[in-house]
Amino acid sequence: RINPNGGGSLDASLPLNPVGRGLQTNGQDKFSAPSDSYALQNQKLLETYFQRLESTMDALKPMARACAGSDNTVIVMVCNTGQSDLLINFICSAQARGFGDVVKEKVLVFATDRGVLEIAHGLGLRAFYDEKIFEKMPEKEASRYGDQAFTQMMYA
């Protein structure tokens, strides 16, 4: 119910239209499109993924098969050291509820830095880490939704 040509606030007389999640009721979009330089950085990161796709799949397939088991279920989690407390809490909560062993068997962590790789292994989890792919990923948690650290982690 926002003017599709931009600007203006919410108008209940207009039909519903899809909008981005950053659109506010005053018609302003909190999440502007990335700058050209930022888009180029993201493109280079994507190139790294594609260049390493075959070796990544070779490493991931046996891990995923081991996690999948007979019910073909894998719980995929992406984590950096800054968010590792949430990973630890997830595993501890599962253990406290009596299904920690099942969860540990099913979880495959994409560790975006060495610190969380060590934490994941210490928790008894399977974890994938590729230094070349994740070398520019932040180790700190995002300060807010949509910030640069958050956006970079979405690529992992």
Protein backbone atom coordinates (compact mmCIF):
# COMPACT_ATOMS: atom_id res chain seq x y z
CA ARG A 1 0.00 0.00 0.00
CA ILE A 2 2.92 2.22 -0.84
CA ASN A 3 3.10 4.21 -4.04
CA PRO A 4 5.12 1.95 -6.39
CA ASN A 5 6.75 5.04 -7.91
CA GLY A 6 8.42 5.75 -4.57
CA GLY A 7 7.98 8.18 -1.77
CA GLY A 8 4.95 8.87 0.28
CA SER A 9 3.61 7.12 3.31
CA LEU A 10 1.23 4.22 3.71
CA ASP A 11 -1.98 4.67 1.74
CA ALA A 12 -4.73 2.18 2.67
CA SER A 13 -6.61 2.95 -0.56
CA LEU A 14 -3.79 1.50 -2.71
CA PRO A 15 -3.66 -2.23 -3.48
CA LEU A 16 -1.16 -4.45 -1.69
CA ASN A 17 2.22 -4.68 -3.45
CA PRO A 18 5.35 -6.65 -2.60
CA VAL A 19 7.98 -4.50 -0.93
CA GLY A 20 11.40 -5.04 0.62
CA ARG A 21 11.60 -5.82 4.30
CA GLY A 22 13.29 -2.50 5.02
CA LEU A 23 10.35 -0.40 3.84
CA GLN A 24 8.92 1.71 6.63
CA THR A 25 5.39 3.11 6.92
CA ASN A 26 6.70 6.57 5.97
CA GLY A 27 7.76 5.17 2.58
CA GLN A 28 11.48 5.22 3.28
CA ASP A 29 13.53 2.08 2.69
CA LYS A 30 16.00 1.37 5.51
CA PHE A 31 18.02 -0.97 3.28
CA SER A 32 19.38 0.86 0.29
CA ALA A 33 20.92 -1.00 -2.62
CA PRO A 34 24.63 -1.74 -2.20
CA SER A 35 27.12 0.67 -3.68
CA ASP A 36 29.01 -0.34 -6.82
CA SER A 37 32.19 -1.03 -4.84
CA TYR A 38 30.31 -3.18 -2.33
CA ALA A 39 28.57 -5.06 -5.15
CA LEU A 40 32.00 -5.73 -6.73
CA GLN A 41 33.31 -7.07 -3.39
CA ASN A 42 30.35 -9.43 -3.23
CA GLN A 43 30.92 -10.50 -6.82
CA LYS A 44 34.56 -11.39 -6.03
CA LEU A 45 33.41 -13.43 -3.06
CA LEU A 46 30.97 -15.28 -5.27
CA GLU A 47 33.77 -15.95 -7.79
CA THR A 48 35.79 -17.56 -4.98
CA TYR A 49 32.86 -19.87 -4.22
CA PHE A 50 32.55 -20.93 -7.83
CA GLN A 51 36.31 -21.47 -8.22
CA ARG A 52 36.31 -23.81 -5.23
CA LEU A 53 32.97 -25.50 -5.87
CA GLU A 54 34.32 -28.91 -6.89
CA SER A 55 36.75 -29.26 -3.96
CA THR A 56 34.09 -27.93 -1.57
CA MET A 57 31.56 -30.49 -2.76
CA ASP A 58 34.17 -33.25 -2.45
CA ALA A 59 34.73 -32.26 1.18
CA LEU A 60 31.06 -31.72 2.02
CA LYS A 61 29.47 -34.81 0.47
CA PRO A 62 30.89 -37.34 2.95
CA MET A 63 30.07 -35.04 5.88
CA ALA A 64 26.52 -34.52 4.66
CA ARG A 65 26.02 -38.24 4.06
CA ALA A 66 27.23 -39.01 7.57
CA CYS A 67 24.83 -36.43 9.03
CA ALA A 68 21.90 -37.51 6.85
CA GLY A 69 21.75 -41.08 8.12
CA SER A 70 18.76 -43.27 7.34
CA ASP A 71 16.20 -40.43 7.55
CA ASN A 72 18.14 -38.20 5.12
CA THR A 73 18.02 -35.19 7.46
CA VAL A 74 20.82 -32.66 7.91
CA ILE A 75 20.70 -29.60 10.16
CA VAL A 76 22.91 -26.96 8.53
CA MET A 77 24.14 -24.07 10.63
CA VAL A 78 26.45 -21.19 9.70
CA CYS A 79 28.38 -19.66 12.55
CA ASN A 80 31.28 -17.35 13.33
CA THR A 81 33.05 -16.95 16.65
CA GLY A 82 30.94 -13.90 17.48
CA GLN A 83 27.78 -16.01 17.39
CA SER A 84 29.30 -19.18 18.85
CA ASP A 85 27.46 -18.69 22.14
CA LEU A 86 24.21 -19.38 20.25
CA LEU A 87 25.68 -22.58 18.80
CA ILE A 88 26.85 -23.70 22.24
CA ASN A 89 23.44 -22.86 23.71
CA PHE A 90 21.67 -24.84 20.98
CA ILE A 91 23.75 -27.96 21.69
CA CYS A 92 23.49 -27.60 25.48
CA SER A 93 19.71 -27.14 25.23
CA ALA A 94 19.41 -30.26 23.07
CA GLN A 95 21.48 -32.24 25.57
CA ALA A 96 19.41 -30.97 28.50
CA ARG A 97 16.28 -32.18 26.75
CA GLY A 98 17.73 -35.61 26.14
CA PHE A 99 18.33 -35.50 22.40
CA GLY A 100 21.81 -34.02 22.24
CA ASP A 101 23.28 -37.15 20.67
CA VAL A 102 20.76 -37.05 17.82
CA VAL A 103 21.35 -33.33 17.24
CA LYS A 104 25.12 -33.77 17.29
CA GLU A 105 24.80 -36.50 14.68
CA LYS A 106 22.62 -34.34 12.40
CA VAL A 107 24.31 -30.92 12.63
CA LEU A 108 26.76 -29.76 9.97
CA VAL A 109 28.34 -26.42 10.84
CA PHE A 110 29.76 -24.09 8.22
CA ALA A 111 32.46 -22.53 10.39
CA THR A 112 33.48 -19.19 8.94
CA ASP A 113 36.60 -18.84 11.07
CA ARG A 114 39.07 -21.10 12.87
CA GLY A 115 37.77 -20.16 16.30
CA VAL A 116 34.28 -21.50 15.70
CA LEU A 117 35.74 -24.51 13.87
CA GLU A 118 37.53 -25.46 17.10
CA ILE A 119 34.39 -24.80 19.13
CA ALA A 120 32.26 -26.96 16.81
CA HIS A 121 34.75 -29.81 16.98
CA GLY A 122 34.93 -29.40 20.76
CA LEU A 123 31.15 -29.83 20.87
CA GLY A 124 31.48 -33.03 18.86
CA LEU A 125 29.99 -31.56 15.67
CA ARG A 126 30.96 -32.03 12.05
CA ALA A 127 32.19 -28.76 10.64
CA PHE A 128 33.30 -27.46 7.27
CA TYR A 129 35.89 -24.69 7.01
CA ASP A 130 37.77 -23.47 3.95
CA GLU A 131 40.26 -20.73 4.67
CA LYS A 132 40.19 -19.37 1.12
CA ILE A 133 36.39 -19.15 0.97
CA PHE A 134 35.93 -17.73 4.45
CA GLU A 135 39.08 -15.59 4.77
CA LYS A 136 37.16 -12.30 4.56
CA MET A 137 34.26 -13.34 6.76
CA PRO A 138 33.88 -11.42 10.01
CA GLU A 139 34.72 -13.13 13.29
CA LYS A 140 32.61 -10.70 15.30
CA GLU A 141 28.84 -10.89 15.55
CA ALA A 142 26.73 -8.45 13.57
CA SER A 143 25.90 -5.25 15.42
CA ARG A 144 22.46 -5.06 13.83
CA TYR A 145 20.30 -6.72 11.23
CA GLY A 146 21.49 -5.93 7.71
CA ASP A 147 24.88 -4.46 8.63
CA GLN A 148 28.02 -5.44 6.70
CA ALA A 149 28.92 -8.34 9.03
CA PHE A 150 25.37 -9.70 8.75
CA THR A 151 25.41 -9.37 4.96
CA GLN A 152 28.80 -11.08 4.64
CA MET A 153 27.60 -14.00 6.77
CA MET A 154 24.65 -14.46 4.42
CA TYR A 155 27.15 -15.51 1.75
CA ALA A 156 28.39 -18.38 3.88
